[in-house]
Each structure stands twice: as structure tokens, then as C-alpha cells.
Amino acid sequence: MQVKRVQANLLENKKIAHATHNIMAYRLYNEKPNTFTQDCDDDGESAAGGRMLHLLQILDVRNVMVVVSRWYGGIQLGADRFKHINNCTRNILQQCGFLKSAAEVKQHPHHDGNKSHRHRKR
């Protein structure tokens, strides 16, 4: 699967490989039969991957994988860590052109007809 190859490629970077957590979520659109293949990995940062995946879902982004690397710096961030992780996710989606403009959202406010398939790699 492409996701495993991308992860392996990222982990070839020593800085990324030595991160305390590499939190990942992906969402791939399958045109036939109009479904999504999606999953996430917390990499030890409890619930972070699920929150990232939820953000991808509510933003209705497709064919994207996001990895947020986090290095523990000695300060407990508490629940604020989720805000930072999701802000990083949203920022990279914006920078890479995955987020819809306000005009596009008005034209196509919500797509409810899509089914999801969630595959766990456990």
C-alpha cells in the first residue's frame, strides 16, 4: 500500500525517525464504489491520530496523508498538544491547496453520500 511506502520513506530521514511521535492520518477516495479508505496512527500520542483523521473528514479532504512529527522537549503540553497537532495539520493542508475556498464550500456545502472503510493495521 502507498501509505506504508510513504511512511518508510519519511522514516529514512533521521530527524523524523528520532521524533518522539510521528502522528499520521490518511484519507483516500475510491471513486468506485464512492468510498474512502482511511486510517490513523497515534504513534503513542494517545488519541492524536484519531483527532487528525476527524479533521480530515470534516474538511472533506481527499487523497491525502498527513504526518505530524513531535519531539518531547521536557514540558507537558496537556490537551494543548491536540490544538498544536491539528493546527499543523490544517496549515499544511492549506499550504498544499487541499482546503476548499469559501466560494467552493457555498457551491458544494456537504457531501453525505460517501461511505467510509477504515482499515486498521494492528
C-alpha atoms as a PDB file:
ATOM      1  CA  MET A   1       0.000   0.000   0.000  1.00  0.00           C
ATOM      2  CA  GLN A   2       1.201   3.516  -0.787  1.00  0.00           C
ATOM      3  CA  VAL A   3       0.790   4.663   2.817  1.00  0.00           C
ATOM      4  CA  LYS A   4       3.385   2.177   4.087  1.00  0.00           C
ATOM      5  CA  ARG A   5       5.834   3.262   1.365  1.00  0.00           C
ATOM      6  CA  VAL A   6       5.407   6.942   2.246  1.00  0.00           C
ATOM      7  CA  GLN A   7       5.904   6.193   5.947  1.00  0.00           C
ATOM      8  CA  ALA A   8       9.034   4.156   5.225  1.00  0.00           C
ATOM      9  CA  ASN A   9      10.375   6.941   3.013  1.00  0.00           C
ATOM     10  CA  LEU A  10       9.764   9.560   5.728  1.00  0.00           C
ATOM     11  CA  LEU A  11      11.477   7.414   8.345  1.00  0.00           C
ATOM     12  CA  GLU A  12      14.641   7.359   6.234  1.00  0.00           C
ATOM     13  CA  ASN A  13      15.093  10.947   7.453  1.00  0.00           C
ATOM     14  CA  LYS A  14      16.961  10.534  10.752  1.00  0.00           C
ATOM     15  CA  LYS A  15      15.349  13.585  12.331  1.00  0.00           C
ATOM     16  CA  ILE A  16      11.853  12.240  11.631  1.00  0.00           C
ATOM     17  CA  ALA A  17      12.858   8.718  12.664  1.00  0.00           C
ATOM     18  CA  HIS A  18      14.043  10.047  16.048  1.00  0.00           C
ATOM     19  CA  ALA A  19      10.868  12.045  16.769  1.00  0.00           C
ATOM     20  CA  THR A  20       9.071  11.090  19.966  1.00  0.00           C
ATOM     21  CA  HIS A  21       5.839  10.690  17.970  1.00  0.00           C
ATOM     22  CA  ASN A  22       5.059  10.563  14.245  1.00  0.00           C
ATOM     23  CA  ILE A  23       1.295  11.003  14.248  1.00  0.00           C
ATOM     24  CA  MET A  24      -0.370  10.081  10.976  1.00  0.00           C
ATOM     25  CA  ALA A  25      -3.781  10.173   9.317  1.00  0.00           C
ATOM     26  CA  TYR A  26      -4.770   9.491   5.742  1.00  0.00           C
ATOM     27  CA  ARG A  27      -7.919   9.615   3.655  1.00  0.00           C
ATOM     28  CA  LEU A  28      -8.003   8.133   0.151  1.00  0.00           C
ATOM     29  CA  TYR A  29     -11.039   8.439  -2.103  1.00  0.00           C
ATOM     30  CA  ASN A  30     -12.168   5.407  -4.099  1.00  0.00           C
ATOM     31  CA  GLU A  31     -14.294   6.648  -6.989  1.00  0.00           C
ATOM     32  CA  LYS A  32     -15.837   3.224  -7.483  1.00  0.00           C
ATOM     33  CA  PRO A  33     -17.750   2.418  -5.277  1.00  0.00           C
ATOM     34  CA  ASN A  34     -17.722   6.005  -3.907  1.00  0.00           C
ATOM     35  CA  THR A  35     -15.977   5.188  -0.617  1.00  0.00           C
ATOM     36  CA  PHE A  36     -12.965   6.242   1.430  1.00  0.00           C
ATOM     37  CA  THR A  37     -10.082   4.183   2.714  1.00  0.00           C
ATOM     38  CA  GLN A  38      -8.848   5.972   5.814  1.00  0.00           C
ATOM     39  CA  ASP A  39      -6.950   5.298   8.983  1.00  0.00           C
ATOM     40  CA  CYS A  40      -4.696   6.905  11.547  1.00  0.00           C
ATOM     41  CA  ASP A  41      -1.824   6.105  13.868  1.00  0.00           C
ATOM     42  CA  ASP A  42      -1.230   7.811  17.212  1.00  0.00           C
ATOM     43  CA  ASP A  43       2.344   6.514  17.494  1.00  0.00           C
ATOM     44  CA  GLY A  44       1.981   6.642  21.278  1.00  0.00           C
ATOM     45  CA  GLU A  45       0.358  10.112  21.404  1.00  0.00           C
ATOM     46  CA  SER A  46      -2.993   8.867  22.674  1.00  0.00           C
ATOM     47  CA  ALA A  47      -5.984   9.953  20.524  1.00  0.00           C
ATOM     48  CA  ALA A  48      -3.942  12.365  18.369  1.00  0.00           C
ATOM     49  CA  GLY A  49      -4.231  10.355  15.140  1.00  0.00           C
ATOM     50  CA  GLY A  50      -7.984   9.991  15.570  1.00  0.00           C
ATOM     51  CA  ARG A  51      -8.345  13.731  16.023  1.00  0.00           C
ATOM     52  CA  MET A  52      -6.272  14.344  12.896  1.00  0.00           C
ATOM     53  CA  LEU A  53      -8.417  11.911  10.912  1.00  0.00           C
ATOM     54  CA  HIS A  54     -11.575  13.607  12.200  1.00  0.00           C
ATOM     55  CA  LEU A  55     -10.200  16.944  10.970  1.00  0.00           C
ATOM     56  CA  LEU A  56      -9.534  15.429   7.523  1.00  0.00           C
ATOM     57  CA  GLN A  57     -13.117  14.157   7.486  1.00  0.00           C
ATOM     58  CA  ILE A  58     -14.799  17.422   8.472  1.00  0.00           C
ATOM     59  CA  LEU A  59     -12.649  19.322   5.973  1.00  0.00           C
ATOM     60  CA  ASP A  60     -13.646  16.709   3.362  1.00  0.00           C
ATOM     61  CA  VAL A  61     -10.112  16.390   2.012  1.00  0.00           C
ATOM     62  CA  ARG A  62      -9.327  13.518  -0.317  1.00  0.00           C
ATOM     63  CA  ASN A  63      -6.246  11.607  -1.363  1.00  0.00           C
ATOM     64  CA  VAL A  64      -4.044  12.991   1.358  1.00  0.00           C
ATOM     65  CA  MET A  65      -1.762  11.678   4.075  1.00  0.00           C
ATOM     66  CA  VAL A  66      -0.521  13.946   6.851  1.00  0.00           C
ATOM     67  CA  VAL A  67       2.247  13.131   9.315  1.00  0.00           C
ATOM     68  CA  VAL A  68       2.955  15.451  12.232  1.00  0.00           C
ATOM     69  CA  SER A  69       6.246  14.736  13.994  1.00  0.00           C
ATOM     70  CA  ARG A  70       6.550  15.759  17.630  1.00  0.00           C
ATOM     71  CA  TRP A  71       9.651  15.838  19.795  1.00  0.00           C
ATOM     72  CA  TYR A  72       9.197  15.893  23.552  1.00  0.00           C
ATOM     73  CA  GLY A  73      11.027  18.922  24.914  1.00  0.00           C
ATOM     74  CA  GLY A  74      10.552  18.359  28.639  1.00  0.00           C
ATOM     75  CA  ILE A  75       7.346  20.398  29.042  1.00  0.00           C
ATOM     76  CA  GLN A  76       3.995  18.664  29.425  1.00  0.00           C
ATOM     77  CA  LEU A  77       1.574  20.349  26.984  1.00  0.00           C
ATOM     78  CA  GLY A  78      -1.558  18.606  28.221  1.00  0.00           C
ATOM     79  CA  ALA A  79      -4.614  18.968  25.989  1.00  0.00           C
ATOM     80  CA  ASP A  80      -2.957  21.892  24.161  1.00  0.00           C
ATOM     81  CA  ARG A  81      -0.914  19.347  22.207  1.00  0.00           C
ATOM     82  CA  PHE A  82      -4.042  18.409  20.223  1.00  0.00           C
ATOM     83  CA  LYS A  83      -4.592  22.039  19.253  1.00  0.00           C
ATOM     84  CA  HIS A  84      -0.996  22.296  18.036  1.00  0.00           C
ATOM     85  CA  ILE A  85      -1.155  18.998  16.129  1.00  0.00           C
ATOM     86  CA  ASN A  86      -4.437  19.948  14.414  1.00  0.00           C
ATOM     87  CA  ASN A  87      -3.138  23.456  13.635  1.00  0.00           C
ATOM     88  CA  CYS A  88      -0.092  21.897  11.951  1.00  0.00           C
ATOM     89  CA  THR A  89      -2.390  19.581  10.009  1.00  0.00           C
ATOM     90  CA  ARG A  90      -4.686  22.394   8.882  1.00  0.00           C
ATOM     91  CA  ASN A  91      -1.728  24.648   7.957  1.00  0.00           C
ATOM     92  CA  ILE A  92      -0.071  22.051   5.720  1.00  0.00           C
ATOM     93  CA  LEU A  93      -3.394  21.233   4.051  1.00  0.00           C
ATOM     94  CA  GLN A  94      -3.859  24.946   3.360  1.00  0.00           C
ATOM     95  CA  GLN A  95      -0.307  25.397   2.052  1.00  0.00           C
ATOM     96  CA  CYS A  96      -0.655  22.415  -0.277  1.00  0.00           C
ATOM     97  CA  GLY A  97      -4.034  23.516  -1.669  1.00  0.00           C
ATOM     98  CA  PHE A  98      -6.226  20.797  -0.158  1.00  0.00           C
ATOM     99  CA  LEU A  99      -8.667  23.146   1.589  1.00  0.00           C
ATOM    100  CA  LYS A 100     -11.688  24.435  -0.253  1.00  0.00           C
ATOM    101  CA  SER A 101     -12.180  28.163  -0.619  1.00  0.00           C
ATOM    102  CA  ALA A 102     -15.262  29.808   0.905  1.00  0.00           C
ATOM    103  CA  ALA A 103     -16.796  30.067  -2.599  1.00  0.00           C
ATOM    104  CA  GLU A 104     -16.384  26.318  -3.214  1.00  0.00           C
ATOM    105  CA  VAL A 105     -17.944  25.491   0.159  1.00  0.00           C
ATOM    106  CA  LYS A 106     -21.014  27.611  -0.708  1.00  0.00           C
ATOM    107  CA  GLN A 107     -21.378  25.786  -4.043  1.00  0.00           C
ATOM    108  CA  HIS A 108     -20.939  22.300  -2.550  1.00  0.00           C
ATOM    109  CA  PRO A 109     -21.669  22.604   1.179  1.00  0.00           C
ATOM    110  CA  HIS A 110     -21.555  18.948   2.177  1.00  0.00           C
ATOM    111  CA  HIS A 111     -21.264  15.520   0.611  1.00  0.00           C
ATOM    112  CA  ASP A 112     -23.109  12.966   2.734  1.00  0.00           C
ATOM    113  CA  GLY A 113     -23.316  10.112   0.241  1.00  0.00           C
ATOM    114  CA  ASN A 114     -19.819   8.756   0.833  1.00  0.00           C
ATOM    115  CA  LYS A 115     -19.253   5.569   2.774  1.00  0.00           C
ATOM    116  CA  SER A 116     -16.059   5.008   4.715  1.00  0.00           C
ATOM    117  CA  HIS A 117     -13.888   1.942   5.103  1.00  0.00           C
ATOM    118  CA  ARG A 118     -11.479   2.109   7.979  1.00  0.00           C
ATOM    119  CA  HIS A 119      -8.640  -0.375   7.864  1.00  0.00           C
ATOM    120  CA  ARG A 120      -6.565  -0.863  10.998  1.00  0.00           C
ATOM    121  CA  LYS A 121      -3.036  -2.139  10.750  1.00  0.00           C
ATOM    122  CA  ARG A 122      -2.889  -3.913  14.064  1.00  0.00           C
END
